[in-house]
Amino acid sequence: MKKVDGQAAKVLEDIIQDKDQSFEFNGRQYKIVAIDNKGDLETTVKEDVEKDPELKQKLLQSKKDIEEGNYFTSEEMRDMIRSGQI
C-alpha cells in the first residue's frame, strides 16, 4: 500500500471531506472508498435479517410458501385483482 503525504494528502483529504468522493484525473473518473471499515449505513442482508425478527419471519414464511407451492405469478395476481378475488 502506498503512503500518501504532503500536497497529495491534502488534496485527497479535501476530496474525502466532500459529500461526493469522486474525482477526475487524466480524463478518467475515480471514486475514493474506505476499505478498512464499513459505513454505519452499510449492512449485509444477514445482518439486516438478524436485527429484524419480523423480516426474518417474513422471509421464512416466504420460503415455506414457495416450498409448498403457495405462490402466484404476476399474471395470476393481475387476474385475481381484476376479477375482484383480492
PDB file of N, CA and C in Angstrom:
ATOM      1  N   MET A   1       0.847  -1.170   0.000  1.00  0.00           N
ATOM      2  CA  MET A   1       0.000   0.000   0.000  1.00  0.00           C
ATOM      3  C   MET A   1       0.895   1.235   0.000  1.00  0.00           C
ATOM      4  N   LYS A   2       0.538   2.187  -0.828  1.00  0.00           N
ATOM      5  CA  LYS A   2       1.338   3.403  -0.944  1.00  0.00           C
ATOM      6  C   LYS A   2       0.918   4.423   0.117  1.00  0.00           C
ATOM      7  N   LYS A   3       1.895   4.997   0.789  1.00  0.00           N
ATOM      8  CA  LYS A   3       1.629   6.043   1.780  1.00  0.00           C
ATOM      9  C   LYS A   3       1.572   7.388   1.065  1.00  0.00           C
ATOM     10  N   VAL A   4       0.532   8.152   1.367  1.00  0.00           N
ATOM     11  CA  VAL A   4       0.340   9.463   0.743  1.00  0.00           C
ATOM     12  C   VAL A   4       0.602  10.536   1.786  1.00  0.00           C
ATOM     13  N   ASP A   5       1.420  11.518   1.415  1.00  0.00           N
ATOM     14  CA  ASP A   5       1.670  12.629   2.332  1.00  0.00           C
ATOM     15  C   ASP A   5       1.824  13.927   1.547  1.00  0.00           C
ATOM     16  N   GLY A   6       2.054  14.995   2.261  1.00  0.00           N
ATOM     17  CA  GLY A   6       2.280  16.286   1.621  1.00  0.00           C
ATOM     18  C   GLY A   6       1.049  16.816   0.911  1.00  0.00           C
ATOM     19  N   GLN A   7       1.283  17.444  -0.238  1.00  0.00           N
ATOM     20  CA  GLN A   7       0.207  18.070  -1.009  1.00  0.00           C
ATOM     21  C   GLN A   7      -0.818  17.039  -1.492  1.00  0.00           C
ATOM     22  N   ALA A   8      -0.352  15.860  -1.872  1.00  0.00           N
ATOM     23  CA  ALA A   8      -1.277  14.816  -2.328  1.00  0.00           C
ATOM     24  C   ALA A   8      -2.248  14.434  -1.211  1.00  0.00           C
ATOM     25  N   ALA A   9      -1.741  14.343   0.016  1.00  0.00           N
ATOM     26  CA  ALA A   9      -2.592  14.013   1.155  1.00  0.00           C
ATOM     27  C   ALA A   9      -3.635  15.103   1.377  1.00  0.00           C
ATOM     28  N   LYS A  10      -3.235  16.353   1.219  1.00  0.00           N
ATOM     29  CA  LYS A  10      -4.166  17.475   1.393  1.00  0.00           C
ATOM     30  C   LYS A  10      -5.277  17.415   0.342  1.00  0.00           C
ATOM     31  N   VAL A  11      -4.902  17.154  -0.904  1.00  0.00           N
ATOM     32  CA  VAL A  11      -5.896  17.060  -1.979  1.00  0.00           C
ATOM     33  C   VAL A  11      -6.867  15.910  -1.702  1.00  0.00           C
ATOM     34  N   LEU A  12      -6.342  14.746  -1.329  1.00  0.00           N
ATOM     35  CA  LEU A  12      -7.205  13.598  -1.032  1.00  0.00           C
ATOM     36  C   LEU A  12      -8.112  13.875   0.165  1.00  0.00           C
ATOM     37  N   GLU A  13      -7.574  14.536   1.171  1.00  0.00           N
ATOM     38  CA  GLU A  13      -8.375  14.879   2.344  1.00  0.00           C
ATOM     39  C   GLU A  13      -9.542  15.784   1.949  1.00  0.00           C
ATOM     40  N   ASP A  14      -9.285  16.762   1.087  1.00  0.00           N
ATOM     41  CA  ASP A  14     -10.348  17.652   0.611  1.00  0.00           C
ATOM     42  C   ASP A  14     -11.424  16.862  -0.134  1.00  0.00           C
ATOM     43  N   ILE A  15     -11.003  15.913  -0.960  1.00  0.00           N
ATOM     44  CA  ILE A  15     -11.966  15.096  -1.712  1.00  0.00           C
ATOM     45  C   ILE A  15     -12.785  14.235  -0.758  1.00  0.00           C
ATOM     46  N   ILE A  16     -12.139  13.625   0.220  1.00  0.00           N
ATOM     47  CA  ILE A  16     -12.818  12.746   1.168  1.00  0.00           C
ATOM     48  C   ILE A  16     -13.822  13.523   2.015  1.00  0.00           C
ATOM     49  N   GLN A  17     -13.491  14.760   2.381  1.00  0.00           N
ATOM     50  CA  GLN A  17     -14.394  15.579   3.184  1.00  0.00           C
ATOM     51  C   GLN A  17     -15.637  15.992   2.403  1.00  0.00           C
ATOM     52  N   ASP A  18     -15.518  16.034   1.075  1.00  0.00           N
ATOM     53  CA  ASP A  18     -16.634  16.412   0.217  1.00  0.00           C
ATOM     54  C   ASP A  18     -17.688  15.307   0.235  1.00  0.00           C
ATOM     55  N   LYS A  19     -18.948  15.680   0.030  1.00  0.00           N
ATOM     56  CA  LYS A  19     -20.035  14.700   0.028  1.00  0.00           C
ATOM     57  C   LYS A  19     -19.858  13.674  -1.095  1.00  0.00           C
ATOM     58  N   ASP A  20     -19.436  14.125  -2.268  1.00  0.00           N
ATOM     59  CA  ASP A  20     -19.196  13.249  -3.417  1.00  0.00           C
ATOM     60  C   ASP A  20     -17.705  12.947  -3.471  1.00  0.00           C
ATOM     61  N   GLN A  21     -17.322  11.747  -3.110  1.00  0.00           N
ATOM     62  CA  GLN A  21     -15.906  11.402  -3.008  1.00  0.00           C
ATOM     63  C   GLN A  21     -15.351  10.886  -4.325  1.00  0.00           C
ATOM     64  N   SER A  22     -15.748  11.515  -5.418  1.00  0.00           N
ATOM     65  CA  SER A  22     -15.223  11.134  -6.722  1.00  0.00           C
ATOM     66  C   SER A  22     -14.434  12.299  -7.306  1.00  0.00           C
ATOM     67  N   PHE A  23     -13.553  11.969  -8.247  1.00  0.00           N
ATOM     68  CA  PHE A  23     -12.739  12.999  -8.884  1.00  0.00           C
ATOM     69  C   PHE A  23     -12.323  12.517 -10.266  1.00  0.00           C
ATOM     70  N   GLU A  24     -11.822  13.443 -11.063  1.00  0.00           N
ATOM     71  CA  GLU A  24     -11.362  13.106 -12.404  1.00  0.00           C
ATOM     72  C   GLU A  24      -9.867  13.370 -12.485  1.00  0.00           C
ATOM     73  N   PHE A  25      -9.153  12.443 -13.132  1.00  0.00           N
ATOM     74  CA  PHE A  25      -7.708  12.567 -13.298  1.00  0.00           C
ATOM     75  C   PHE A  25      -7.334  11.980 -14.653  1.00  0.00           C
ATOM     76  N   ASN A  26      -6.650  12.760 -15.454  1.00  0.00           N
ATOM     77  CA  ASN A  26      -6.239  12.324 -16.794  1.00  0.00           C
ATOM     78  C   ASN A  26      -7.402  11.773 -17.617  1.00  0.00           C
ATOM     79  N   GLY A  27      -8.557  12.431 -17.506  1.00  0.00           N
ATOM     80  CA  GLY A  27      -9.709  12.043 -18.304  1.00  0.00           C
ATOM     81  C   GLY A  27     -10.484  10.839 -17.797  1.00  0.00           C
ATOM     82  N   ARG A  28     -10.086  10.290 -16.662  1.00  0.00           N
ATOM     83  CA  ARG A  28     -10.800   9.140 -16.089  1.00  0.00           C
ATOM     84  C   ARG A  28     -11.409   9.538 -14.759  1.00  0.00           C
ATOM     85  N   GLN A  29     -12.546   8.944 -14.437  1.00  0.00           N
ATOM     86  CA  GLN A  29     -13.215   9.240 -13.175  1.00  0.00           C
ATOM     87  C   GLN A  29     -12.876   8.166 -12.143  1.00  0.00           C
ATOM     88  N   TYR A  30     -12.675   8.619 -10.908  1.00  0.00           N
ATOM     89  CA  TYR A  30     -12.339   7.725  -9.802  1.00  0.00           C
ATOM     90  C   TYR A  30     -13.237   8.040  -8.613  1.00  0.00           C
ATOM     91  N   LYS A  31     -13.409   7.068  -7.732  1.00  0.00           N
ATOM     92  CA  LYS A  31     -14.161   7.266  -6.501  1.00  0.00           C
ATOM     93  C   LYS A  31     -13.341   6.695  -5.352  1.00  0.00           C
ATOM     94  N   ILE A  32     -13.231   7.454  -4.287  1.00  0.00           N
ATOM     95  CA  ILE A  32     -12.477   7.020  -3.109  1.00  0.00           C
ATOM     96  C   ILE A  32     -13.431   6.278  -2.173  1.00  0.00           C
ATOM     97  N   VAL A  33     -13.027   5.069  -1.780  1.00  0.00           N
ATOM     98  CA  VAL A  33     -13.837   4.250  -0.889  1.00  0.00           C
ATOM     99  C   VAL A  33     -12.938   3.718   0.221  1.00  0.00           C
ATOM    100  N   ALA A  34     -13.367   3.871   1.477  1.00  0.00           N
ATOM    101  CA  ALA A  34     -12.606   3.338   2.605  1.00  0.00           C
ATOM    102  C   ALA A  34     -12.707   1.818   2.599  1.00  0.00           C
ATOM    103  N   ILE A  35     -11.586   1.135   2.729  1.00  0.00           N
ATOM    104  CA  ILE A  35     -11.611  -0.330   2.725  1.00  0.00           C
ATOM    105  C   ILE A  35     -11.406  -0.923   4.109  1.00  0.00           C
ATOM    106  N   ASP A  36     -11.061  -0.109   5.095  1.00  0.00           N
ATOM    107  CA  ASP A  36     -10.770  -0.650   6.414  1.00  0.00           C
ATOM    108  C   ASP A  36     -11.976  -0.682   7.337  1.00  0.00           C
ATOM    109  N   ASN A  37     -13.074  -0.047   6.942  1.00  0.00           N
ATOM    110  CA  ASN A  37     -14.272  -0.096   7.768  1.00  0.00           C
ATOM    111  C   ASN A  37     -15.501   0.154   6.920  1.00  0.00           C
ATOM    112  N   LYS A  38     -16.633  -0.348   7.409  1.00  0.00           N
ATOM    113  CA  LYS A  38     -17.893  -0.132   6.714  1.00  0.00           C
ATOM    114  C   LYS A  38     -18.537   1.123   7.274  1.00  0.00           C
ATOM    115  N   GLY A  39     -19.295   1.785   6.427  1.00  0.00           N
ATOM    116  CA  GLY A  39     -20.081   2.909   6.899  1.00  0.00           C
ATOM    117  C   GLY A  39     -21.202   2.398   7.783  1.00  0.00           C
ATOM    118  N   ASP A  40     -21.713   3.241   8.651  1.00  0.00           N
ATOM    119  CA  ASP A  40     -22.791   2.836   9.543  1.00  0.00           C
ATOM    120  C   ASP A  40     -24.045   2.422   8.780  1.00  0.00           C
ATOM    121  N   LEU A  41     -24.221   2.973   7.583  1.00  0.00           N
ATOM    122  CA  LEU A  41     -25.426   2.687   6.821  1.00  0.00           C
ATOM    123  C   LEU A  41     -25.302   1.426   5.978  1.00  0.00           C
ATOM    124  N   GLU A  42     -24.117   0.876   5.859  1.00  0.00           N
ATOM    125  CA  GLU A  42     -23.894  -0.286   5.005  1.00  0.00           C
ATOM    126  C   GLU A  42     -23.969  -1.559   5.839  1.00  0.00           C
ATOM    127  N   THR A  43     -24.937  -2.406   5.521  1.00  0.00           N
ATOM    128  CA  THR A  43     -25.080  -3.674   6.232  1.00  0.00           C
ATOM    129  C   THR A  43     -25.257  -4.796   5.219  1.00  0.00           C
ATOM    130  N   THR A  44     -25.048  -6.007   5.678  1.00  0.00           N
ATOM    131  CA  THR A  44     -25.285  -7.165   4.825  1.00  0.00           C
ATOM    132  C   THR A  44     -26.728  -7.627   5.022  1.00  0.00           C
ATOM    133  N   VAL A  45     -27.204  -8.438   4.114  1.00  0.00           N
ATOM    134  CA  VAL A  45     -28.552  -8.986   4.244  1.00  0.00           C
ATOM    135  C   VAL A  45     -28.641  -9.809   5.528  1.00  0.00           C
ATOM    136  N   LYS A  46     -27.604 -10.588   5.799  1.00  0.00           N
ATOM    137  CA  LYS A  46     -27.595 -11.421   7.009  1.00  0.00           C
ATOM    138  C   LYS A  46     -27.733 -10.558   8.262  1.00  0.00           C
ATOM    139  N   GLU A  47     -27.000  -9.438   8.310  1.00  0.00           N
ATOM    140  CA  GLU A  47     -27.091  -8.535   9.464  1.00  0.00           C
ATOM    141  C   GLU A  47     -28.496  -7.948   9.590  1.00  0.00           C
ATOM    142  N   ASP A  48     -29.073  -7.567   8.458  1.00  0.00           N
ATOM    143  CA  ASP A  48     -30.423  -6.999   8.473  1.00  0.00           C
ATOM    144  C   ASP A  48     -31.438  -8.004   9.003  1.00  0.00           C
ATOM    145  N   VAL A  49     -31.326  -9.249   8.549  1.00  0.00           N
ATOM    146  CA  VAL A  49     -32.260 -10.289   8.976  1.00  0.00           C
ATOM    147  C   VAL A  49     -32.084 -10.588  10.463  1.00  0.00           C
ATOM    148  N   GLU A  50     -30.847 -10.649  10.935  1.00  0.00           N
ATOM    149  CA  GLU A  50     -30.596 -10.939  12.346  1.00  0.00           C
ATOM    150  C   GLU A  50     -31.114  -9.829  13.254  1.00  0.00           C
ATOM    151  N   LYS A  51     -31.078  -8.593  12.787  1.00  0.00           N
ATOM    152  CA  LYS A  51     -31.519  -7.450  13.598  1.00  0.00           C
ATOM    153  C   LYS A  51     -33.031  -7.271  13.589  1.00  0.00           C
ATOM    154  N   ASP A  52     -33.726  -7.846  12.618  1.00  0.00           N
ATOM    155  CA  ASP A  52     -35.158  -7.600  12.452  1.00  0.00           C
ATOM    156  C   ASP A  52     -35.935  -8.915  12.475  1.00  0.00           C
ATOM    157  N   PRO A  53     -36.469  -9.297  13.636  1.00  0.00           N
ATOM    158  CA  PRO A  53     -37.192 -10.568  13.742  1.00  0.00           C
ATOM    159  C   PRO A  53     -38.401 -10.644  12.805  1.00  0.00           C
ATOM    160  N   GLU A  54     -39.074  -9.516  12.579  1.00  0.00           N
ATOM    161  CA  GLU A  54     -40.236  -9.512  11.684  1.00  0.00           C
ATOM    162  C   GLU A  54     -39.813  -9.830  10.251  1.00  0.00           C
ATOM    163  N   LEU A  55     -38.711  -9.239   9.809  1.00  0.00           N
ATOM    164  CA  LEU A  55     -38.187  -9.520   8.472  1.00  0.00           C
ATOM    165  C   LEU A  55     -37.799 -10.991   8.358  1.00  0.00           C
ATOM    166  N   LYS A  56     -37.138 -11.506   9.384  1.00  0.00           N
ATOM    167  CA  LYS A  56     -36.730 -12.916   9.381  1.00  0.00           C
ATOM    168  C   LYS A  56     -37.951 -13.829   9.264  1.00  0.00           C
ATOM    169  N   GLN A  57     -38.999 -13.515  10.011  1.00  0.00           N
ATOM    170  CA  GLN A  57     -40.214 -14.333   9.974  1.00  0.00           C
ATOM    171  C   GLN A  57     -40.862 -14.286   8.596  1.00  0.00           C
ATOM    172  N   LYS A  58     -40.904 -13.107   7.980  1.00  0.00           N
ATOM    173  CA  LYS A  58     -41.494 -12.979   6.643  1.00  0.00           C
ATOM    174  C   LYS A  58     -40.700 -13.778   5.613  1.00  0.00           C
ATOM    175  N   LEU A  59     -39.386 -13.737   5.713  1.00  0.00           N
ATOM    176  CA  LEU A  59     -38.550 -14.488   4.778  1.00  0.00           C
ATOM    177  C   LEU A  59     -38.721 -15.995   4.962  1.00  0.00           C
ATOM    178  N   LEU A  60     -38.798 -16.435   6.216  1.00  0.00           N
ATOM    179  CA  LEU A  60     -39.012 -17.859   6.482  1.00  0.00           C
ATOM    180  C   LEU A  60     -40.379 -18.310   5.966  1.00  0.00           C
ATOM    181  N   GLN A  61     -41.404 -17.462   6.150  1.00  0.00           N
ATOM    182  CA  GLN A  61     -42.737 -17.799   5.655  1.00  0.00           C
ATOM    183  C   GLN A  61     -42.741 -17.854   4.131  1.00  0.00           C
ATOM    184  N   SER A  62     -42.046 -16.921   3.494  1.00  0.00           N
ATOM    185  CA  SER A  62     -41.956 -16.916   2.026  1.00  0.00           C
ATOM    186  C   SER A  62     -41.291 -18.187   1.522  1.00  0.00           C
ATOM    187  N   LYS A  63     -40.214 -18.587   2.197  1.00  0.00           N
ATOM    188  CA  LYS A  63     -39.510 -19.813   1.808  1.00  0.00           C
ATOM    189  C   LYS A  63     -40.438 -21.020   1.934  1.00  0.00           C
ATOM    190  N   LYS A  64     -41.179 -21.074   3.035  1.00  0.00           N
ATOM    191  CA  LYS A  64     -42.113 -22.177   3.260  1.00  0.00           C
ATOM    192  C   LYS A  64     -43.203 -22.181   2.184  1.00  0.00           C
ATOM    193  N   ASP A  65     -43.751 -21.005   1.879  1.00  0.00           N
ATOM    194  CA  ASP A  65     -44.794 -20.906   0.847  1.00  0.00           C
ATOM    195  C   ASP A  65     -44.290 -21.406  -0.502  1.00  0.00           C
ATOM    196  N   ILE A  66     -43.082 -21.035  -0.862  1.00  0.00           N
ATOM    197  CA  ILE A  66     -42.508 -21.466  -2.143  1.00  0.00           C
ATOM    198  C   ILE A  66     -42.325 -22.979  -2.159  1.00  0.00           C
ATOM    199  N   GLU A  67     -41.793 -23.521  -1.056  1.00  0.00           N
ATOM    200  CA  GLU A  67     -41.582 -24.970  -0.976  1.00  0.00           C
ATOM    201  C   GLU A  67     -42.897 -25.736  -1.083  1.00  0.00           C
ATOM    202  N   GLU A  68     -43.986 -25.155  -0.554  1.00  0.00           N
ATOM    203  CA  GLU A  68     -45.291 -25.818  -0.567  1.00  0.00           C
ATOM    204  C   GLU A  68     -46.108 -25.479  -1.812  1.00  0.00           C
ATOM    205  N   GLY A  69     -45.549 -24.661  -2.683  1.00  0.00           N
ATOM    206  CA  GLY A  69     -46.256 -24.298  -3.912  1.00  0.00           C
ATOM    207  C   GLY A  69     -47.322 -23.240  -3.719  1.00  0.00           C
ATOM    208  N   ASN A  70     -47.286 -22.546  -2.608  1.00  0.00           N
ATOM    209  CA  ASN A  70     -48.268 -21.492  -2.318  1.00  0.00           C
ATOM    210  C   ASN A  70     -47.763 -20.144  -2.817  1.00  0.00           C
ATOM    211  N   TYR A  71     -47.780 -19.970  -4.120  1.00  0.00           N
ATOM    212  CA  TYR A  71     -47.351 -18.698  -4.700  1.00  0.00           C
ATOM    213  C   TYR A  71     -48.084 -18.483  -6.012  1.00  0.00           C
ATOM    214  N   PHE A  72     -48.072 -17.247  -6.488  1.00  0.00           N
ATOM    215  CA  PHE A  72     -48.763 -16.883  -7.718  1.00  0.00           C
ATOM    216  C   PHE A  72     -47.815 -16.110  -8.620  1.00  0.00           C
ATOM    217  N   THR A  73     -48.018 -16.255  -9.916  1.00  0.00           N
ATOM    218  CA  THR A  73     -47.241 -15.461 -10.869  1.00  0.00           C
ATOM    219  C   THR A  73     -47.833 -14.056 -10.913  1.00  0.00           C
ATOM    220  N   SER A  74     -47.105 -13.133 -11.497  1.00  0.00           N
ATOM    221  CA  SER A  74     -47.610 -11.764 -11.652  1.00  0.00           C
ATOM    222  C   SER A  74     -48.900 -11.762 -12.463  1.00  0.00           C
ATOM    223  N   GLU A  75     -48.930 -12.575 -13.502  1.00  0.00           N
ATOM    224  CA  GLU A  75     -50.124 -12.682 -14.355  1.00  0.00           C
ATOM    225  C   GLU A  75     -51.324 -13.168 -13.544  1.00  0.00           C
ATOM    226  N   GLU A  76     -51.113 -14.188 -12.718  1.00  0.00           N
ATOM    227  CA  GLU A  76     -52.198 -14.706 -11.884  1.00  0.00           C
ATOM    228  C   GLU A  76     -52.690 -13.649 -10.896  1.00  0.00           C
ATOM    229  N   MET A  77     -51.766 -12.898 -10.314  1.00  0.00           N
ATOM    230  CA  MET A  77     -52.145 -11.840  -9.371  1.00  0.00           C
ATOM    231  C   MET A  77     -52.962 -10.763 -10.068  1.00  0.00           C
ATOM    232  N   ARG A  78     -52.541 -10.353 -11.266  1.00  0.00           N
ATOM    233  CA  ARG A  78     -53.299  -9.338 -12.022  1.00  0.00           C
ATOM    234  C   ARG A  78     -54.717  -9.832 -12.294  1.00  0.00           C
ATOM    235  N   ASP A  79     -54.833 -11.088 -12.709  1.00  0.00           N
ATOM    236  CA  ASP A  79     -56.153 -11.655 -12.996  1.00  0.00           C
ATOM    237  C   ASP A  79     -57.032 -11.675 -11.742  1.00  0.00           C
ATOM    238  N   MET A  80     -56.463 -12.049 -10.605  1.00  0.00           N
ATOM    239  CA  MET A  80     -57.238 -12.083  -9.358  1.00  0.00           C
ATOM    240  C   MET A  80     -57.670 -10.679  -8.940  1.00  0.00           C
ATOM    241  N   ILE A  81     -56.798  -9.705  -9.103  1.00  0.00           N
ATOM    242  CA  ILE A  81     -57.143  -8.322  -8.761  1.00  0.00           C
ATOM    243  C   ILE A  81     -58.253  -7.817  -9.670  1.00  0.00           C
ATOM    244  N   ARG A  82     -58.106  -8.057 -10.959  1.00  0.00           N
ATOM    245  CA  ARG A  82     -59.113  -7.596 -11.933  1.00  0.00           C
ATOM    246  C   ARG A  82     -60.474  -8.260 -11.719  1.00  0.00           C
ATOM    247  N   SER A  83     -60.453  -9.511 -11.299  1.00  0.00           N
ATOM    248  CA  SER A  83     -61.722 -10.225 -11.100  1.00  0.00           C
ATOM    249  C   SER A  83     -62.315  -9.966  -9.715  1.00  0.00           C
ATOM    250  N   GLY A  84     -61.600  -9.219  -8.877  1.00  0.00           N
ATOM    251  CA  GLY A  84     -62.112  -8.878  -7.552  1.00  0.00           C
ATOM    252  C   GLY A  84     -61.898  -9.944  -6.501  1.00  0.00           C
ATOM    253  N   GLN A  85     -61.108 -10.957  -6.811  1.00  0.00           N
ATOM    254  CA  GLN A  85     -60.841 -12.013  -5.828  1.00  0.00           C
ATOM    255  C   GLN A  85     -60.016 -11.489  -4.655  1.00  0.00           C
ATOM    256  N   ILE A  86     -59.200 -10.488  -4.943  1.00  0.00           N
ATOM    257  CA  ILE A  86     -58.407  -9.873  -3.864  1.00  0.00           C
ATOM    258  C   ILE A  86     -58.428  -8.369  -4.010  1.00  0.00           C
TER     259      ILE A  86
END
